Amino acid sequence: MAKAKSARSSRRSAREVSSVKYQVSNEFTVVVKRSDVQYVTLCLELGVAGCGDSLEDALADTREAIGSYVESMQADNLSPWRPVPVQVLHEFLAGEGGESSAKAPTLKVLAYA
């Protein structure tokens, strides 16, 4: 009987869950890439992108996009965290042609027992 009572008391009501506030940092990791005509950015923690004719414009656009995105998610009581999958990062870095401009690094894998 005690187990059933503790299980019931540990459940959150829909009202409690909807009032959860997510902590958001003021520091984000942004990858910047120069395309043929502009700079393009991708925030790795949130999946938010930006662009601009100059690096400064692209970063300003990204800051604005991050602020709008976080504000919107918080207004809806949703977590803003959407880490960019590795495959998406690879595609972003590869560009439109699908090939990265830099030669792929050779990896030496060491295993310790």
PDB file of N, CA and C in Angstrom:
ATOM      1  N   MET A   1       0.823  -1.187   0.000  1.00  0.00           N
ATOM      2  CA  MET A   1       0.000   0.000   0.000  1.00  0.00           C
ATOM      3  C   MET A   1       0.871   1.257   0.000  1.00  0.00           C
ATOM      4  N   ALA A   2       1.988   1.219   0.706  1.00  0.00           N
ATOM      5  CA  ALA A   2       2.877   2.383   0.772  1.00  0.00           C
ATOM      6  C   ALA A   2       3.479   2.681  -0.591  1.00  0.00           C
ATOM      7  N   LYS A   3       3.790   1.624  -1.357  1.00  0.00           N
ATOM      8  CA  LYS A   3       4.350   1.822  -2.693  1.00  0.00           C
ATOM      9  C   LYS A   3       3.360   2.528  -3.610  1.00  0.00           C
ATOM     10  N   ALA A   4       2.099   2.120  -3.564  1.00  0.00           N
ATOM     11  CA  ALA A   4       1.077   2.726  -4.413  1.00  0.00           C
ATOM     12  C   ALA A   4       0.903   4.197  -4.071  1.00  0.00           C
ATOM     13  N   LYS A   5       0.927   4.514  -2.784  1.00  0.00           N
ATOM     14  CA  LYS A   5       0.760   5.902  -2.361  1.00  0.00           C
ATOM     15  C   LYS A   5       1.945   6.746  -2.818  1.00  0.00           C
ATOM     16  N   SER A   6       3.192   6.231  -2.679  1.00  0.00           N
ATOM     17  CA  SER A   6       4.356   7.011  -3.086  1.00  0.00           C
ATOM     18  C   SER A   6       4.394   7.188  -4.600  1.00  0.00           C
ATOM     19  N   ALA A   7       3.927   6.200  -5.351  1.00  0.00           N
ATOM     20  CA  ALA A   7       3.896   6.325  -6.804  1.00  0.00           C
ATOM     21  C   ALA A   7       2.912   7.414  -7.216  1.00  0.00           C
ATOM     22  N   ARG A   8       1.760   7.450  -6.549  1.00  0.00           N
ATOM     23  CA  ARG A   8       0.768   8.477  -6.847  1.00  0.00           C
ATOM     24  C   ARG A   8       1.292   9.867  -6.477  1.00  0.00           C
ATOM     25  N   SER A   9       1.951   9.978  -5.352  1.00  0.00           N
ATOM     26  CA  SER A   9       2.422  11.290  -4.911  1.00  0.00           C
ATOM     27  C   SER A   9       3.598  11.781  -5.741  1.00  0.00           C
ATOM     28  N   SER A  10       4.331  10.859  -6.404  1.00  0.00           N
ATOM     29  CA  SER A  10       5.470  11.282  -7.210  1.00  0.00           C
ATOM     30  C   SER A  10       5.053  11.715  -8.615  1.00  0.00           C
ATOM     31  N   ARG A  11       3.837  11.416  -9.024  1.00  0.00           N
ATOM     32  CA  ARG A  11       3.351  11.838 -10.337  1.00  0.00           C
ATOM     33  C   ARG A  11       3.054  13.331 -10.315  1.00  0.00           C
ATOM     34  N   ARG A  12       3.349  13.977 -11.421  1.00  0.00           N
ATOM     35  CA  ARG A  12       3.052  15.403 -11.542  1.00  0.00           C
ATOM     36  C   ARG A  12       1.747  15.595 -12.294  1.00  0.00           C
ATOM     37  N   SER A  13       0.995  16.569 -11.869  1.00  0.00           N
ATOM     38  CA  SER A  13      -0.237  16.879 -12.593  1.00  0.00           C
ATOM     39  C   SER A  13       0.120  17.629 -13.870  1.00  0.00           C
ATOM     40  N   ALA A  14      -0.827  17.713 -14.786  1.00  0.00           N
ATOM     41  CA  ALA A  14      -0.598  18.440 -16.033  1.00  0.00           C
ATOM     42  C   ALA A  14      -0.276  19.898 -15.748  1.00  0.00           C
ATOM     43  N   ARG A  15      -0.892  20.476 -14.736  1.00  0.00           N
ATOM     44  CA  ARG A  15      -0.635  21.878 -14.383  1.00  0.00           C
ATOM     45  C   ARG A  15       0.809  22.048 -13.900  1.00  0.00           C
ATOM     46  N   GLU A  16       1.310  21.105 -13.079  1.00  0.00           N
ATOM     47  CA  GLU A  16       2.684  21.194 -12.593  1.00  0.00           C
ATOM     48  C   GLU A  16       3.683  21.065 -13.743  1.00  0.00           C
ATOM     49  N   VAL A  17       3.432  20.143 -14.663  1.00  0.00           N
ATOM     50  CA  VAL A  17       4.332  19.934 -15.791  1.00  0.00           C
ATOM     51  C   VAL A  17       4.348  21.162 -16.694  1.00  0.00           C
ATOM     52  N   SER A  18       3.189  21.767 -16.928  1.00  0.00           N
ATOM     53  CA  SER A  18       3.130  22.913 -17.827  1.00  0.00           C
ATOM     54  C   SER A  18       3.791  24.151 -17.239  1.00  0.00           C
ATOM     55  N   SER A  19       4.031  24.159 -15.933  1.00  0.00           N
ATOM     56  CA  SER A  19       4.652  25.336 -15.327  1.00  0.00           C
ATOM     57  C   SER A  19       6.164  25.193 -15.201  1.00  0.00           C
ATOM     58  N   VAL A  20       6.734  24.125 -15.738  1.00  0.00           N
ATOM     59  CA  VAL A  20       8.175  23.913 -15.667  1.00  0.00           C
ATOM     60  C   VAL A  20       8.882  24.987 -16.493  1.00  0.00           C
ATOM     61  N   LYS A  21       9.908  25.613 -15.924  1.00  0.00           N
ATOM     62  CA  LYS A  21      10.700  26.611 -16.648  1.00  0.00           C
ATOM     63  C   LYS A  21      12.053  25.989 -16.965  1.00  0.00           C
ATOM     64  N   TYR A  22      12.504  26.158 -18.194  1.00  0.00           N
ATOM     65  CA  TYR A  22      13.763  25.587 -18.629  1.00  0.00           C
ATOM     66  C   TYR A  22      14.868  26.616 -18.494  1.00  0.00           C
ATOM     67  N   GLN A  23      15.988  26.198 -17.946  1.00  0.00           N
ATOM     68  CA  GLN A  23      17.146  27.068 -17.818  1.00  0.00           C
ATOM     69  C   GLN A  23      17.809  27.214 -19.177  1.00  0.00           C
ATOM     70  N   VAL A  24      18.110  28.441 -19.559  1.00  0.00           N
ATOM     71  CA  VAL A  24      18.755  28.702 -20.837  1.00  0.00           C
ATOM     72  C   VAL A  24      20.016  29.504 -20.574  1.00  0.00           C
ATOM     73  N   SER A  25      21.097  29.041 -21.126  1.00  0.00           N
ATOM     74  CA  SER A  25      22.389  29.704 -20.998  1.00  0.00           C
ATOM     75  C   SER A  25      22.421  30.947 -21.874  1.00  0.00           C
ATOM     76  N   ASN A  26      23.354  31.827 -21.593  1.00  0.00           N
ATOM     77  CA  ASN A  26      23.584  32.974 -22.473  1.00  0.00           C
ATOM     78  C   ASN A  26      24.771  32.726 -23.383  1.00  0.00           C
ATOM     79  N   GLU A  27      25.267  31.509 -23.389  1.00  0.00           N
ATOM     80  CA  GLU A  27      26.433  31.166 -24.200  1.00  0.00           C
ATOM     81  C   GLU A  27      26.099  29.966 -25.077  1.00  0.00           C
ATOM     82  N   PHE A  28      26.318  30.129 -26.385  1.00  0.00           N
ATOM     83  CA  PHE A  28      25.997  29.077 -27.336  1.00  0.00           C
ATOM     84  C   PHE A  28      27.169  28.859 -28.283  1.00  0.00           C
ATOM     85  N   THR A  29      27.250  27.667 -28.845  1.00  0.00           N
ATOM     86  CA  THR A  29      28.281  27.329 -29.819  1.00  0.00           C
ATOM     87  C   THR A  29      27.709  27.536 -31.208  1.00  0.00           C
ATOM     88  N   VAL A  30      28.390  28.370 -32.005  1.00  0.00           N
ATOM     89  CA  VAL A  30      27.926  28.671 -33.349  1.00  0.00           C
ATOM     90  C   VAL A  30      29.025  28.331 -34.345  1.00  0.00           C
ATOM     91  N   VAL A  31      28.675  27.567 -35.376  1.00  0.00           N
ATOM     92  CA  VAL A  31      29.594  27.240 -36.457  1.00  0.00           C
ATOM     93  C   VAL A  31      29.312  28.237 -37.580  1.00  0.00           C
ATOM     94  N   VAL A  32      30.376  28.850 -38.097  1.00  0.00           N
ATOM     95  CA  VAL A  32      30.233  29.843 -39.168  1.00  0.00           C
ATOM     96  C   VAL A  32      30.884  29.294 -40.431  1.00  0.00           C
ATOM     97  N   LYS A  33      30.190  29.480 -41.544  1.00  0.00           N
ATOM     98  CA  LYS A  33      30.692  29.005 -42.833  1.00  0.00           C
ATOM     99  C   LYS A  33      30.490  30.097 -43.870  1.00  0.00           C
ATOM    100  N   ARG A  34      31.454  30.275 -44.712  1.00  0.00           N
ATOM    101  CA  ARG A  34      31.344  31.257 -45.809  1.00  0.00           C
ATOM    102  C   ARG A  34      30.883  30.521 -47.050  1.00  0.00           C
ATOM    103  N   SER A  35      29.730  30.912 -47.582  1.00  0.00           N
ATOM    104  CA  SER A  35      29.275  30.350 -48.853  1.00  0.00           C
ATOM    105  C   SER A  35      29.718  31.295 -49.961  1.00  0.00           C
ATOM    106  N   ASP A  36      29.261  31.073 -51.161  1.00  0.00           N
ATOM    107  CA  ASP A  36      29.655  31.921 -52.296  1.00  0.00           C
ATOM    108  C   ASP A  36      29.254  33.381 -52.105  1.00  0.00           C
ATOM    109  N   VAL A  37      28.085  33.621 -51.531  1.00  0.00           N
ATOM    110  CA  VAL A  37      27.570  34.991 -51.465  1.00  0.00           C
ATOM    111  C   VAL A  37      27.360  35.541 -50.059  1.00  0.00           C
ATOM    112  N   GLN A  38      27.421  34.680 -49.030  1.00  0.00           N
ATOM    113  CA  GLN A  38      27.164  35.166 -47.675  1.00  0.00           C
ATOM    114  C   GLN A  38      27.772  34.244 -46.631  1.00  0.00           C
ATOM    115  N   TYR A  39      27.714  34.698 -45.383  1.00  0.00           N
ATOM    116  CA  TYR A  39      28.114  33.880 -44.247  1.00  0.00           C
ATOM    117  C   TYR A  39      26.864  33.200 -43.704  1.00  0.00           C
ATOM    118  N   VAL A  40      27.022  31.949 -43.296  1.00  0.00           N
ATOM    119  CA  VAL A  40      25.911  31.170 -42.758  1.00  0.00           C
ATOM    120  C   VAL A  40      26.353  30.621 -41.411  1.00  0.00           C
ATOM    121  N   THR A  41      25.451  30.636 -40.430  1.00  0.00           N
ATOM    122  CA  THR A  41      25.774  30.145 -39.093  1.00  0.00           C
ATOM    123  C   THR A  41      24.801  29.048 -38.682  1.00  0.00           C
ATOM    124  N   LEU A  42      25.234  28.235 -37.739  1.00  0.00           N
ATOM    125  CA  LEU A  42      24.389  27.181 -37.182  1.00  0.00           C
ATOM    126  C   LEU A  42      24.702  27.053 -35.701  1.00  0.00           C
ATOM    127  N   CYS A  43      23.698  27.243 -34.852  1.00  0.00           N
ATOM    128  CA  CYS A  43      23.852  27.089 -33.404  1.00  0.00           C
ATOM    129  C   CYS A  43      23.701  25.611 -33.063  1.00  0.00           C
ATOM    130  N   LEU A  44      24.755  25.026 -32.498  1.00  0.00           N
ATOM    131  CA  LEU A  44      24.776  23.582 -32.264  1.00  0.00           C
ATOM    132  C   LEU A  44      23.840  23.130 -31.145  1.00  0.00           C
ATOM    133  N   GLU A  45      23.580  23.969 -30.166  1.00  0.00           N
ATOM    134  CA  GLU A  45      22.712  23.567 -29.057  1.00  0.00           C
ATOM    135  C   GLU A  45      21.227  23.673 -29.387  1.00  0.00           C
ATOM    136  N   LEU A  46      20.865  24.628 -30.248  1.00  0.00           N
ATOM    137  CA  LEU A  46      19.449  24.904 -30.490  1.00  0.00           C
ATOM    138  C   LEU A  46      18.962  24.563 -31.893  1.00  0.00           C
ATOM    139  N   GLY A  47      19.885  24.352 -32.824  1.00  0.00           N
ATOM    140  CA  GLY A  47      19.491  24.080 -34.195  1.00  0.00           C
ATOM    141  C   GLY A  47      19.001  25.322 -34.920  1.00  0.00           C
ATOM    142  N   VAL A  48      19.400  26.494 -34.443  1.00  0.00           N
ATOM    143  CA  VAL A  48      18.984  27.769 -35.040  1.00  0.00           C
ATOM    144  C   VAL A  48      20.072  28.226 -36.006  1.00  0.00           C
ATOM    145  N   ALA A  49      19.658  28.772 -37.159  1.00  0.00           N
ATOM    146  CA  ALA A  49      20.616  29.236 -38.165  1.00  0.00           C
ATOM    147  C   ALA A  49      20.442  30.722 -38.411  1.00  0.00           C
ATOM    148  N   GLY A  50      21.471  31.310 -38.980  1.00  0.00           N
ATOM    149  CA  GLY A  50      21.438  32.718 -39.353  1.00  0.00           C
ATOM    150  C   GLY A  50      22.302  32.930 -40.582  1.00  0.00           C
ATOM    151  N   CYS A  51      22.209  34.126 -41.173  1.00  0.00           N
ATOM    152  CA  CYS A  51      23.039  34.435 -42.331  1.00  0.00           C
ATOM    153  C   CYS A  51      23.197  35.942 -42.455  1.00  0.00           C
ATOM    154  N   GLY A  52      24.178  36.336 -43.265  1.00  0.00           N
ATOM    155  CA  GLY A  52      24.403  37.752 -43.500  1.00  0.00           C
ATOM    156  C   GLY A  52      25.486  37.960 -44.539  1.00  0.00           C
ATOM    157  N   ASP A  53      25.515  39.161 -45.102  1.00  0.00           N
ATOM    158  CA  ASP A  53      26.522  39.486 -46.112  1.00  0.00           C
ATOM    159  C   ASP A  53      27.926  39.571 -45.530  1.00  0.00           C
ATOM    160  N   SER A  54      28.021  39.905 -44.234  1.00  0.00           N
ATOM    161  CA  SER A  54      29.315  39.950 -43.554  1.00  0.00           C
ATOM    162  C   SER A  54      29.243  39.040 -42.334  1.00  0.00           C
ATOM    163  N   LEU A  55      30.392  38.735 -41.767  1.00  0.00           N
ATOM    164  CA  LEU A  55      30.426  37.907 -40.564  1.00  0.00           C
ATOM    165  C   LEU A  55      29.639  38.573 -39.442  1.00  0.00           C
ATOM    166  N   GLU A  56      29.808  39.874 -39.284  1.00  0.00           N
ATOM    167  CA  GLU A  56      29.102  40.614 -38.233  1.00  0.00           C
ATOM    168  C   GLU A  56      27.587  40.543 -38.430  1.00  0.00           C
ATOM    169  N   ASP A  57      27.141  40.697 -39.687  1.00  0.00           N
ATOM    170  CA  ASP A  57      25.707  40.604 -39.984  1.00  0.00           C
ATOM    171  C   ASP A  57      25.172  39.208 -39.683  1.00  0.00           C
ATOM    172  N   ALA A  58      25.933  38.192 -40.037  1.00  0.00           N
ATOM    173  CA  ALA A  58      25.499  36.811 -39.798  1.00  0.00           C
ATOM    174  C   ALA A  58      25.390  36.532 -38.304  1.00  0.00           C
ATOM    175  N   LEU A  59      26.355  37.007 -37.524  1.00  0.00           N
ATOM    176  CA  LEU A  59      26.306  36.792 -36.077  1.00  0.00           C
ATOM    177  C   LEU A  59      25.164  37.573 -35.436  1.00  0.00           C
ATOM    178  N   ALA A  60      24.930  38.802 -35.908  1.00  0.00           N
ATOM    179  CA  ALA A  60      23.807  39.593 -35.389  1.00  0.00           C
ATOM    180  C   ALA A  60      22.476  38.909 -35.716  1.00  0.00           C
ATOM    181  N   ASP A  61      22.348  38.376 -36.922  1.00  0.00           N
ATOM    182  CA  ASP A  61      21.141  37.659 -37.325  1.00  0.00           C
ATOM    183  C   ASP A  61      20.944  36.413 -36.460  1.00  0.00           C
ATOM    184  N   THR A  62      22.038  35.731 -36.158  1.00  0.00           N
ATOM    185  CA  THR A  62      21.970  34.527 -35.326  1.00  0.00           C
ATOM    186  C   THR A  62      21.543  34.879 -33.909  1.00  0.00           C
ATOM    187  N   ARG A  63      22.115  35.954 -33.348  1.00  0.00           N
ATOM    188  CA  ARG A  63      21.710  36.385 -31.995  1.00  0.00           C
ATOM    189  C   ARG A  63      20.219  36.689 -31.949  1.00  0.00           C
ATOM    190  N   GLU A  64      19.730  37.393 -32.962  1.00  0.00           N
ATOM    191  CA  GLU A  64      18.309  37.727 -33.017  1.00  0.00           C
ATOM    192  C   GLU A  64      17.454  36.465 -33.145  1.00  0.00           C
ATOM    193  N   ALA A  65      17.889  35.537 -33.999  1.00  0.00           N
ATOM    194  CA  ALA A  65      17.141  34.283 -34.193  1.00  0.00           C
ATOM    195  C   ALA A  65      17.119  33.460 -32.907  1.00  0.00           C
ATOM    196  N   ILE A  66      18.248  33.391 -32.213  1.00  0.00           N
ATOM    197  CA  ILE A  66      18.314  32.641 -30.949  1.00  0.00           C
ATOM    198  C   ILE A  66      17.376  33.278 -29.927  1.00  0.00           C
ATOM    199  N   GLY A  67      17.421  34.606 -29.805  1.00  0.00           N
ATOM    200  CA  GLY A  67      16.544  35.290 -28.849  1.00  0.00           C
ATOM    201  C   GLY A  67      15.077  35.045 -29.135  1.00  0.00           C
ATOM    202  N   SER A  68      14.679  35.150 -30.391  1.00  0.00           N
ATOM    203  CA  SER A  68      13.278  34.918 -30.770  1.00  0.00           C
ATOM    204  C   SER A  68      12.867  33.478 -30.512  1.00  0.00           C
ATOM    205  N   TYR A  69      13.757  32.553 -30.877  1.00  0.00           N
ATOM    206  CA  TYR A  69      13.455  31.131 -30.706  1.00  0.00           C
ATOM    207  C   TYR A  69      13.287  30.777 -29.231  1.00  0.00           C
ATOM    208  N   VAL A  70      14.243  31.200 -28.391  1.00  0.00           N
ATOM    209  CA  VAL A  70      14.177  30.886 -26.958  1.00  0.00           C
ATOM    210  C   VAL A  70      12.941  31.517 -26.335  1.00  0.00           C
ATOM    211  N   GLU A  71      12.655  32.761 -26.682  1.00  0.00           N
ATOM    212  CA  GLU A  71      11.473  33.447 -26.149  1.00  0.00           C
ATOM    213  C   GLU A  71      10.195  32.700 -26.531  1.00  0.00           C
ATOM    214  N   SER A  72      10.095  32.259 -27.761  1.00  0.00           N
ATOM    215  CA  SER A  72       8.918  31.531 -28.228  1.00  0.00           C
ATOM    216  C   SER A  72       8.763  30.197 -27.498  1.00  0.00           C
ATOM    217  N   MET A  73       9.868  29.480 -27.348  1.00  0.00           N
ATOM    218  CA  MET A  73       9.805  28.184 -26.665  1.00  0.00           C
ATOM    219  C   MET A  73       9.439  28.353 -25.193  1.00  0.00           C
ATOM    220  N   GLN A  74       9.998  29.375 -24.544  1.00  0.00           N
ATOM    221  CA  GLN A  74       9.677  29.619 -23.139  1.00  0.00           C
ATOM    222  C   GLN A  74       8.215  30.024 -22.974  1.00  0.00           C
ATOM    223  N   ALA A  75       7.680  30.808 -23.897  1.00  0.00           N
ATOM    224  CA  ALA A  75       6.278  31.217 -23.831  1.00  0.00           C
ATOM    225  C   ALA A  75       5.354  30.006 -23.893  1.00  0.00           C
ATOM    226  N   ASP A  76       5.789  28.960 -24.592  1.00  0.00           N
ATOM    227  CA  ASP A  76       5.001  27.731 -24.711  1.00  0.00           C
ATOM    228  C   ASP A  76       5.411  26.667 -23.698  1.00  0.00           C
ATOM    229  N   ASN A  77       6.291  27.039 -22.738  1.00  0.00           N
ATOM    230  CA  ASN A  77       6.795  26.100 -21.726  1.00  0.00           C
ATOM    231  C   ASN A  77       7.411  24.851 -22.340  1.00  0.00           C
ATOM    232  N   LEU A  78       8.170  25.049 -23.429  1.00  0.00           N
ATOM    233  CA  LEU A  78       8.854  23.949 -24.092  1.00  0.00           C
ATOM    234  C   LEU A  78      10.354  24.112 -23.941  1.00  0.00           C
ATOM    235  N   SER A  79      11.055  23.014 -23.915  1.00  0.00           N
ATOM    236  CA  SER A  79      12.511  23.073 -23.840  1.00  0.00           C
ATOM    237  C   SER A  79      13.070  23.568 -25.168  1.00  0.00           C
ATOM    238  N   PRO A  80      13.959  24.568 -25.128  1.00  0.00           N
ATOM    239  CA  PRO A  80      14.544  25.058 -26.371  1.00  0.00           C
ATOM    240  C   PRO A  80      15.687  24.194 -26.890  1.00  0.00           C
ATOM    241  N   TRP A  81      16.151  23.262 -26.090  1.00  0.00           N
ATOM    242  CA  TRP A  81      17.338  22.479 -26.451  1.00  0.00           C
ATOM    243  C   TRP A  81      17.017  21.474 -27.539  1.00  0.00           C
ATOM    244  N   ARG A  82      17.642  21.676 -28.707  1.00  0.00           N
ATOM    245  CA  ARG A  82      17.536  20.757 -29.848  1.00  0.00           C
ATOM    246  C   ARG A  82      18.925  20.602 -30.448  1.00  0.00           C
ATOM    247  N   PRO A  83      19.767  19.801 -29.821  1.00  0.00           N
ATOM    248  CA  PRO A  83      21.129  19.666 -30.346  1.00  0.00           C
ATOM    249  C   PRO A  83      21.134  19.201 -31.799  1.00  0.00           C
ATOM    250  N   VAL A  84      22.038  19.781 -32.574  1.00  0.00           N
ATOM    251  CA  VAL A  84      22.150  19.440 -33.985  1.00  0.00           C
ATOM    252  C   VAL A  84      22.756  18.041 -34.108  1.00  0.00           C
ATOM    253  N   PRO A  85      22.093  17.135 -34.811  1.00  0.00           N
ATOM    254  CA  PRO A  85      22.668  15.800 -35.022  1.00  0.00           C
ATOM    255  C   PRO A  85      23.975  15.900 -35.826  1.00  0.00           C
ATOM    256  N   VAL A  86      24.877  14.986 -35.581  1.00  0.00           N
ATOM    257  CA  VAL A  86      26.178  14.998 -36.250  1.00  0.00           C
ATOM    258  C   VAL A  86      26.017  14.981 -37.764  1.00  0.00           C
ATOM    259  N   GLN A  87      25.084  14.206 -38.283  1.00  0.00           N
ATOM    260  CA  GLN A  87      24.886  14.127 -39.731  1.00  0.00           C
ATOM    261  C   GLN A  87      24.481  15.488 -40.302  1.00  0.00           C
ATOM    262  N   VAL A  88      23.642  16.223 -39.595  1.00  0.00           N
ATOM    263  CA  VAL A  88      23.229  17.550 -40.047  1.00  0.00           C
ATOM    264  C   VAL A  88      24.428  18.493 -40.040  1.00  0.00           C
ATOM    265  N   LEU A  89      25.269  18.401 -39.020  1.00  0.00           N
ATOM    266  CA  LEU A  89      26.481  19.221 -38.971  1.00  0.00           C
ATOM    267  C   LEU A  89      27.395  18.902 -40.142  1.00  0.00           C
ATOM    268  N   HIS A  90      27.558  17.636 -40.466  1.00  0.00           N
ATOM    269  CA  HIS A  90      28.374  17.235 -41.616  1.00  0.00           C
ATOM    270  C   HIS A  90      27.821  17.830 -42.910  1.00  0.00           C
ATOM    271  N   GLU A  91      26.505  17.769 -43.080  1.00  0.00           N
ATOM    272  CA  GLU A  91      25.874  18.324 -44.283  1.00  0.00           C
ATOM    273  C   GLU A  91      26.058  19.830 -44.344  1.00  0.00           C
ATOM    274  N   PHE A  92      25.938  20.502 -43.194  1.00  0.00           N
ATOM    275  CA  PHE A  92      26.127  21.951 -43.137  1.00  0.00           C
ATOM    276  C   PHE A  92      27.548  22.327 -43.553  1.00  0.00           C
ATOM    277  N   LEU A  93      28.507  21.606 -43.020  1.00  0.00           N
ATOM    278  CA  LEU A  93      29.904  21.900 -43.325  1.00  0.00           C
ATOM    279  C   LEU A  93      30.264  21.546 -44.767  1.00  0.00           C
ATOM    280  N   ALA A  94      29.609  20.517 -45.318  1.00  0.00           N
ATOM    281  CA  ALA A  94      29.911  20.089 -46.683  1.00  0.00           C
ATOM    282  C   ALA A  94      29.390  21.088 -47.710  1.00  0.00           C
ATOM    283  N   GLY A  95      28.309  21.781 -47.418  1.00  0.00           N
ATOM    284  CA  GLY A  95      27.774  22.772 -48.349  1.00  0.00           C
ATOM    285  C   GLY A  95      26.868  22.170 -49.390  1.00  0.00           C
ATOM    286  N   GLU A  96      26.547  22.997 -50.387  1.00  0.00           N
ATOM    287  CA  GLU A  96      25.598  22.588 -51.418  1.00  0.00           C
ATOM    288  C   GLU A  96      26.124  21.430 -52.262  1.00  0.00           C
ATOM    289  N   GLY A  97      27.422  21.410 -52.530  1.00  0.00           N
ATOM    290  CA  GLY A  97      27.996  20.376 -53.383  1.00  0.00           C
ATOM    291  C   GLY A  97      28.085  19.019 -52.721  1.00  0.00           C
ATOM    292  N   GLY A  98      27.923  18.984 -51.401  1.00  0.00           N
ATOM    293  CA  GLY A  98      27.972  17.722 -50.689  1.00  0.00           C
ATOM    294  C   GLY A  98      29.373  17.269 -50.343  1.00  0.00           C
ATOM    295  N   GLU A  99      30.389  18.007 -50.782  1.00  0.00           N
ATOM    296  CA  GLU A  99      31.758  17.638 -50.463  1.00  0.00           C
ATOM    297  C   GLU A  99      32.396  18.728 -49.627  1.00  0.00           C
ATOM    298  N   SER A 100      33.079  18.334 -48.591  1.00  0.00           N
ATOM    299  CA  SER A 100      33.765  19.295 -47.742  1.00  0.00           C
ATOM    300  C   SER A 100      34.986  19.831 -48.466  1.00  0.00           C
ATOM    301  N   SER A 101      35.260  21.132 -48.289  1.00  0.00           N
ATOM    302  CA  SER A 101      36.411  21.732 -48.948  1.00  0.00           C
ATOM    303  C   SER A 101      37.724  21.247 -48.334  1.00  0.00           C
ATOM    304  N   ALA A 102      37.676  20.806 -47.092  1.00  0.00           N
ATOM    305  CA  ALA A 102      38.884  20.310 -46.432  1.00  0.00           C
ATOM    306  C   ALA A 102      38.939  18.792 -46.564  1.00  0.00           C
ATOM    307  N   LYS A 103      40.151  18.274 -46.677  1.00  0.00           N
ATOM    308  CA  LYS A 103      40.324  16.823 -46.747  1.00  0.00           C
ATOM    309  C   LYS A 103      39.919  16.217 -45.408  1.00  0.00           C
ATOM    310  N   ALA A 104      39.199  15.114 -45.484  1.00  0.00           N
ATOM    311  CA  ALA A 104      38.760  14.448 -44.260  1.00  0.00           C
ATOM    312  C   ALA A 104      39.983  13.973 -43.472  1.00  0.00           C
ATOM    313  N   PRO A 105      39.975  14.209 -42.165  1.00  0.00           N
ATOM    314  CA  PRO A 105      41.129  13.797 -41.361  1.00  0.00           C
ATOM    315  C   PRO A 105      41.197  12.289 -41.205  1.00  0.00           C
ATOM    316  N   THR A 106      42.406  11.801 -41.073  1.00  0.00           N
ATOM    317  CA  THR A 106      42.614  10.398 -40.767  1.00  0.00           C
ATOM    318  C   THR A 106      42.580  10.257 -39.259  1.00  0.00           C
ATOM    319  N   LEU A 107      41.809   9.304 -38.765  1.00  0.00           N
ATOM    320  CA  LEU A 107      41.682   9.113 -37.325  1.00  0.00           C
ATOM    321  C   LEU A 107      42.453   7.878 -36.887  1.00  0.00           C
ATOM    322  N   LYS A 108      43.169   8.027 -35.814  1.00  0.00           N
ATOM    323  CA  LYS A 108      43.849   6.903 -35.202  1.00  0.00           C
ATOM    324  C   LYS A 108      43.086   6.575 -33.930  1.00  0.00           C
ATOM    325  N   VAL A 109      42.475   5.398 -33.874  1.00  0.00           N
ATOM    326  CA  VAL A 109      41.651   5.018 -32.754  1.00  0.00           C
ATOM    327  C   VAL A 109      42.465   4.161 -31.796  1.00  0.00           C
ATOM    328  N   LEU A 110      42.489   4.582 -30.559  1.00  0.00           N
ATOM    329  CA  LEU A 110      43.183   3.836 -29.519  1.00  0.00           C
ATOM    330  C   LEU A 110      42.161   3.291 -28.544  1.00  0.00           C
ATOM    331  N   ALA A 111      42.311   2.050 -28.175  1.00  0.00           N
ATOM    332  CA  ALA A 111      41.388   1.456 -27.212  1.00  0.00           C
ATOM    333  C   ALA A 111      42.190   1.038 -25.989  1.00  0.00           C
ATOM    334  N   TYR A 112      41.643   1.355 -24.828  1.00  0.00           N
ATOM    335  CA  TYR A 112      42.283   0.986 -23.572  1.00  0.00           C
ATOM    336  C   TYR A 112      41.387   0.019 -22.836  1.00  0.00           C
ATOM    337  N   ALA A 113      42.014  -1.033 -22.315  1.00  0.00           N
ATOM    338  CA  ALA A 113      41.227  -2.029 -21.581  1.00  0.00           C
ATOM    339  C   ALA A 113      41.316  -1.790 -20.099  1.00  0.00           C
TER     340      ALA A 113
END
